[in-house]
Amino acid sequence: MGLPDENKRQKNFPSGKASGKNGLLANITAQNISSGLISSTLVMTGPVIIILEAATSSHFTAQQTINWMFAVYFFGGLFGILMPLAFRIPITGGHSITGVAFLATVTSHFTYPQLIGGYVISGLLIFLVGISGSKTWIPKIPNCTIMNVIDKKTSFFFLP
């Protein structure tokens, strides 16, 4: 999958130098500002409740909960600003609401250090897959996984 080719990137996105009409300031419009405010409001209000519930059910201390909230919103916001500027395509760095909902069901089964280790290892794996840039084996992963799950489910129903 990876990043799109240069010719597939948005044409109106600034080209690095904020000069003239094609600069970064030219893209600050009422529509872009309102879209950003609406999406940031949804991201800031929805997952907070789920994160607080997950932290409560896992018996995290107040400091651990604050650290989790800081990491989620600070680094998500930082990546949400830096990634589009670097790659010239809209990329968000925040987590999804479904991801947080999944965490709410899993956090009570692990300790705080185990959860942090899981985040670090999964981030490293995603980073390594991303920088490998392989266009031959990466697209095959979902197909192999999905077909194995479907095969197992169908063979379960047809056992003698």
C-alpha atoms as a PDB file:
ATOM      1  CA  MET A   1       0.000   0.000   0.000  1.00  0.00           C
ATOM      2  CA  GLY A   2       2.358   2.758   1.191  1.00  0.00           C
ATOM      3  CA  LEU A   3       2.288   6.379   0.187  1.00  0.00           C
ATOM      4  CA  PRO A   4       0.820   7.411  -3.151  1.00  0.00           C
ATOM      5  CA  ASP A   5       3.040   8.305  -6.059  1.00  0.00           C
ATOM      6  CA  GLU A   6       3.927  11.926  -6.710  1.00  0.00           C
ATOM      7  CA  ASN A   7       1.425  12.200  -9.564  1.00  0.00           C
ATOM      8  CA  LYS A   8      -1.427  10.906  -7.352  1.00  0.00           C
ATOM      9  CA  ARG A   9      -0.910  13.435  -4.565  1.00  0.00           C
ATOM     10  CA  GLN A  10      -3.196  16.401  -4.258  1.00  0.00           C
ATOM     11  CA  LYS A  11      -2.326  19.098  -6.737  1.00  0.00           C
ATOM     12  CA  ASN A  12      -3.528  22.016  -4.601  1.00  0.00           C
ATOM     13  CA  PHE A  13      -1.522  21.081  -1.535  1.00  0.00           C
ATOM     14  CA  PRO A  14       1.368  23.481  -0.864  1.00  0.00           C
ATOM     15  CA  SER A  15       4.677  22.558  -2.415  1.00  0.00           C
ATOM     16  CA  GLY A  16       6.889  23.323   0.551  1.00  0.00           C
ATOM     17  CA  LYS A  17       7.445  27.063   0.095  1.00  0.00           C
ATOM     18  CA  ALA A  18       4.731  29.322   1.434  1.00  0.00           C
ATOM     19  CA  SER A  19       5.019  31.888  -1.311  1.00  0.00           C
ATOM     20  CA  GLY A  20       2.288  33.549  -3.309  1.00  0.00           C
ATOM     21  CA  LYS A  21      -1.105  32.062  -4.000  1.00  0.00           C
ATOM     22  CA  ASN A  22       0.146  28.446  -3.961  1.00  0.00           C
ATOM     23  CA  GLY A  23       1.528  28.743  -0.444  1.00  0.00           C
ATOM     24  CA  LEU A  24       0.284  27.256   2.797  1.00  0.00           C
ATOM     25  CA  LEU A  25      -1.740  30.336   3.665  1.00  0.00           C
ATOM     26  CA  ALA A  26      -3.738  30.050   0.435  1.00  0.00           C
ATOM     27  CA  ASN A  27      -5.243  26.789   1.729  1.00  0.00           C
ATOM     28  CA  ILE A  28      -6.597  28.381   4.894  1.00  0.00           C
ATOM     29  CA  THR A  29     -10.241  28.742   3.970  1.00  0.00           C
ATOM     30  CA  ALA A  30     -13.472  28.808   5.946  1.00  0.00           C
ATOM     31  CA  GLN A  31     -14.331  25.320   4.691  1.00  0.00           C
ATOM     32  CA  ASN A  32     -10.942  23.870   5.737  1.00  0.00           C
ATOM     33  CA  ILE A  33     -11.090  25.554   9.146  1.00  0.00           C
ATOM     34  CA  SER A  34     -14.651  24.369   9.829  1.00  0.00           C
ATOM     35  CA  SER A  35     -13.768  20.817   8.714  1.00  0.00           C
ATOM     36  CA  GLY A  36     -10.799  20.814  11.059  1.00  0.00           C
ATOM     37  CA  LEU A  37     -12.829  22.130  13.988  1.00  0.00           C
ATOM     38  CA  ILE A  38     -15.609  19.604  13.509  1.00  0.00           C
ATOM     39  CA  SER A  39     -13.269  16.630  13.161  1.00  0.00           C
ATOM     40  CA  SER A  40     -11.099  17.705  16.092  1.00  0.00           C
ATOM     41  CA  THR A  41     -14.181  18.157  18.277  1.00  0.00           C
ATOM     42  CA  LEU A  42     -15.320  14.625  17.479  1.00  0.00           C
ATOM     43  CA  VAL A  43     -11.875  13.197  18.145  1.00  0.00           C
ATOM     44  CA  MET A  44     -11.456  15.096  21.410  1.00  0.00           C
ATOM     45  CA  THR A  45     -14.819  14.184  22.897  1.00  0.00           C
ATOM     46  CA  GLY A  46     -15.660  10.644  21.764  1.00  0.00           C
ATOM     47  CA  PRO A  47     -12.614   8.569  22.692  1.00  0.00           C
ATOM     48  CA  VAL A  48     -12.015  10.427  25.968  1.00  0.00           C
ATOM     49  CA  ILE A  49     -14.959   8.729  27.624  1.00  0.00           C
ATOM     50  CA  ILE A  50     -13.871   5.322  26.367  1.00  0.00           C
ATOM     51  CA  ILE A  51     -10.259   5.881  27.468  1.00  0.00           C
ATOM     52  CA  LEU A  52     -11.375   6.976  30.944  1.00  0.00           C
ATOM     53  CA  GLU A  53     -13.633   3.920  31.221  1.00  0.00           C
ATOM     54  CA  ALA A  54     -10.799   1.618  30.135  1.00  0.00           C
ATOM     55  CA  ALA A  55      -8.422   3.242  32.612  1.00  0.00           C
ATOM     56  CA  THR A  56     -10.975   2.891  35.409  1.00  0.00           C
ATOM     57  CA  SER A  57     -11.693  -0.766  34.656  1.00  0.00           C
ATOM     58  CA  SER A  58      -7.955  -1.478  34.566  1.00  0.00           C
ATOM     59  CA  HIS A  59      -7.388   0.307  37.886  1.00  0.00           C
ATOM     60  CA  PHE A  60      -4.838   2.732  36.441  1.00  0.00           C
ATOM     61  CA  THR A  61      -3.586   5.477  38.709  1.00  0.00           C
ATOM     62  CA  ALA A  62      -4.402   9.098  37.934  1.00  0.00           C
ATOM     63  CA  GLN A  63      -0.836   9.609  36.690  1.00  0.00           C
ATOM     64  CA  GLN A  64      -1.029   6.623  34.337  1.00  0.00           C
ATOM     65  CA  THR A  65      -4.334   7.850  32.934  1.00  0.00           C
ATOM     66  CA  ILE A  66      -2.927  11.349  32.410  1.00  0.00           C
ATOM     67  CA  ASN A  67       0.127   9.891  30.666  1.00  0.00           C
ATOM     68  CA  TRP A  68      -2.095   7.837  28.383  1.00  0.00           C
ATOM     69  CA  MET A  69      -4.303  10.816  27.523  1.00  0.00           C
ATOM     70  CA  PHE A  70      -1.260  13.021  26.898  1.00  0.00           C
ATOM     71  CA  ALA A  71       0.379  10.466  24.620  1.00  0.00           C
ATOM     72  CA  VAL A  72      -2.804   9.905  22.629  1.00  0.00           C
ATOM     73  CA  TYR A  73      -3.614  13.549  22.020  1.00  0.00           C
ATOM     74  CA  PHE A  74      -0.167  15.150  21.903  1.00  0.00           C
ATOM     75  CA  PHE A  75       1.449  12.662  19.544  1.00  0.00           C
ATOM     76  CA  GLY A  76      -1.741  12.200  17.518  1.00  0.00           C
ATOM     77  CA  GLY A  77      -1.941  15.967  17.020  1.00  0.00           C
ATOM     78  CA  LEU A  78       1.770  16.276  16.299  1.00  0.00           C
ATOM     79  CA  PHE A  79       1.656  13.558  13.653  1.00  0.00           C
ATOM     80  CA  GLY A  80      -1.572  15.017  12.283  1.00  0.00           C
ATOM     81  CA  ILE A  81       0.300  18.268  11.611  1.00  0.00           C
ATOM     82  CA  LEU A  82       3.703  16.971  10.530  1.00  0.00           C
ATOM     83  CA  MET A  83       2.687  14.057   8.297  1.00  0.00           C
ATOM     84  CA  PRO A  84       0.559  16.080   5.837  1.00  0.00           C
ATOM     85  CA  LEU A  85       3.230  18.748   5.637  1.00  0.00           C
ATOM     86  CA  ALA A  86       5.943  16.181   4.956  1.00  0.00           C
ATOM     87  CA  PHE A  87       4.093  13.945   2.500  1.00  0.00           C
ATOM     88  CA  ARG A  88       1.698  16.457   0.928  1.00  0.00           C
ATOM     89  CA  ILE A  89      -1.356  14.239   1.464  1.00  0.00           C
ATOM     90  CA  PRO A  90      -3.924  14.276   4.272  1.00  0.00           C
ATOM     91  CA  ILE A  91      -2.736  11.789   6.905  1.00  0.00           C
ATOM     92  CA  THR A  92      -3.970  11.688  10.479  1.00  0.00           C
ATOM     93  CA  GLY A  93      -1.890  10.533  13.383  1.00  0.00           C
ATOM     94  CA  GLY A  94      -4.643   9.919  15.893  1.00  0.00           C
ATOM     95  CA  HIS A  95      -6.239   6.653  16.843  1.00  0.00           C
ATOM     96  CA  SER A  96      -9.672   5.504  15.759  1.00  0.00           C
ATOM     97  CA  ILE A  97     -12.716   5.249  17.978  1.00  0.00           C
ATOM     98  CA  THR A  98     -12.982   1.544  17.166  1.00  0.00           C
ATOM     99  CA  GLY A  99      -9.369   1.093  18.251  1.00  0.00           C
ATOM    100  CA  VAL A 100     -10.091   2.753  21.575  1.00  0.00           C
ATOM    101  CA  ALA A 101     -13.235   0.673  22.007  1.00  0.00           C
ATOM    102  CA  PHE A 102     -11.160  -2.456  21.435  1.00  0.00           C
ATOM    103  CA  LEU A 103      -8.626  -1.236  24.005  1.00  0.00           C
ATOM    104  CA  ALA A 104     -11.406  -0.732  26.522  1.00  0.00           C
ATOM    105  CA  THR A 105     -12.176  -4.432  26.370  1.00  0.00           C
ATOM    106  CA  VAL A 106      -8.535  -5.557  26.538  1.00  0.00           C
ATOM    107  CA  THR A 107      -6.825  -3.228  29.016  1.00  0.00           C
ATOM    108  CA  SER A 108      -8.200  -4.931  32.099  1.00  0.00           C
ATOM    109  CA  HIS A 109      -6.410  -8.164  31.094  1.00  0.00           C
ATOM    110  CA  PHE A 110      -2.917  -6.621  30.982  1.00  0.00           C
ATOM    111  CA  THR A 111      -0.706  -4.539  33.212  1.00  0.00           C
ATOM    112  CA  TYR A 112       0.296  -0.998  32.350  1.00  0.00           C
ATOM    113  CA  PRO A 113       3.880  -1.961  31.345  1.00  0.00           C
ATOM    114  CA  GLN A 114       2.539  -4.777  29.143  1.00  0.00           C
ATOM    115  CA  LEU A 115       0.234  -2.355  27.349  1.00  0.00           C
ATOM    116  CA  ILE A 116       3.079   0.105  26.762  1.00  0.00           C
ATOM    117  CA  GLY A 117       5.270  -2.717  25.465  1.00  0.00           C
ATOM    118  CA  GLY A 118       2.487  -3.791  23.116  1.00  0.00           C
ATOM    119  CA  TYR A 119       2.209  -0.255  21.761  1.00  0.00           C
ATOM    120  CA  VAL A 120       5.953  -0.004  21.212  1.00  0.00           C
ATOM    121  CA  ILE A 121       6.282  -3.407  19.527  1.00  0.00           C
ATOM    122  CA  SER A 122       3.260  -2.879  17.271  1.00  0.00           C
ATOM    123  CA  GLY A 123       4.530   0.585  16.342  1.00  0.00           C
ATOM    124  CA  LEU A 124       7.931  -0.885  15.494  1.00  0.00           C
ATOM    125  CA  LEU A 125       6.365  -3.605  13.352  1.00  0.00           C
ATOM    126  CA  ILE A 126       4.218  -1.094  11.478  1.00  0.00           C
ATOM    127  CA  PHE A 127       7.255   1.129  10.982  1.00  0.00           C
ATOM    128  CA  LEU A 128       9.362  -1.750   9.635  1.00  0.00           C
ATOM    129  CA  VAL A 129       6.628  -2.853   7.254  1.00  0.00           C
ATOM    130  CA  GLY A 130       6.206   0.741   6.110  1.00  0.00           C
ATOM    131  CA  ILE A 131       9.861   1.415   5.412  1.00  0.00           C
ATOM    132  CA  SER A 132      10.355  -1.923   3.695  1.00  0.00           C
ATOM    133  CA  GLY A 133       8.391  -0.531   0.755  1.00  0.00           C
ATOM    134  CA  SER A 134       7.760  -3.987  -0.614  1.00  0.00           C
ATOM    135  CA  LYS A 135       4.991  -3.933  -3.184  1.00  0.00           C
ATOM    136  CA  THR A 136       5.091  -7.686  -3.667  1.00  0.00           C
ATOM    137  CA  TRP A 137       4.453  -9.279  -0.270  1.00  0.00           C
ATOM    138  CA  ILE A 138       2.602  -6.573   1.689  1.00  0.00           C
ATOM    139  CA  PRO A 139      -0.608  -6.712  -0.437  1.00  0.00           C
ATOM    140  CA  LYS A 140      -0.667 -10.500  -0.031  1.00  0.00           C
ATOM    141  CA  ILE A 141      -0.931 -10.384   3.788  1.00  0.00           C
ATOM    142  CA  PRO A 142      -4.643  -9.458   4.020  1.00  0.00           C
ATOM    143  CA  ASN A 143      -5.601 -11.938   1.299  1.00  0.00           C
ATOM    144  CA  CYS A 144      -3.792 -14.818   3.015  1.00  0.00           C
ATOM    145  CA  THR A 145      -5.193 -13.952   6.411  1.00  0.00           C
ATOM    146  CA  ILE A 146      -8.763 -13.492   5.240  1.00  0.00           C
ATOM    147  CA  MET A 147      -8.716 -16.676   3.171  1.00  0.00           C
ATOM    148  CA  ASN A 148      -7.362 -18.692   6.121  1.00  0.00           C
ATOM    149  CA  VAL A 149     -10.125 -17.417   8.391  1.00  0.00           C
ATOM    150  CA  ILE A 150     -12.795 -18.180   5.795  1.00  0.00           C
ATOM    151  CA  ASP A 151     -11.341 -21.655   5.175  1.00  0.00           C
ATOM    152  CA  LYS A 152     -11.325 -22.459   8.879  1.00  0.00           C
ATOM    153  CA  LYS A 153     -14.883 -21.254   9.364  1.00  0.00           C
ATOM    154  CA  THR A 154     -16.258 -23.167   6.394  1.00  0.00           C
ATOM    155  CA  SER A 155     -14.382 -26.366   7.245  1.00  0.00           C
ATOM    156  CA  PHE A 156     -15.804 -26.193  10.779  1.00  0.00           C
ATOM    157  CA  PHE A 157     -19.352 -26.345   9.446  1.00  0.00           C
ATOM    158  CA  PHE A 158     -18.656 -29.227   7.063  1.00  0.00           C
ATOM    159  CA  LEU A 159     -16.847 -31.582   9.426  1.00  0.00           C
ATOM    160  CA  PRO A 160     -18.376 -35.104   9.552  1.00  0.00           C
END
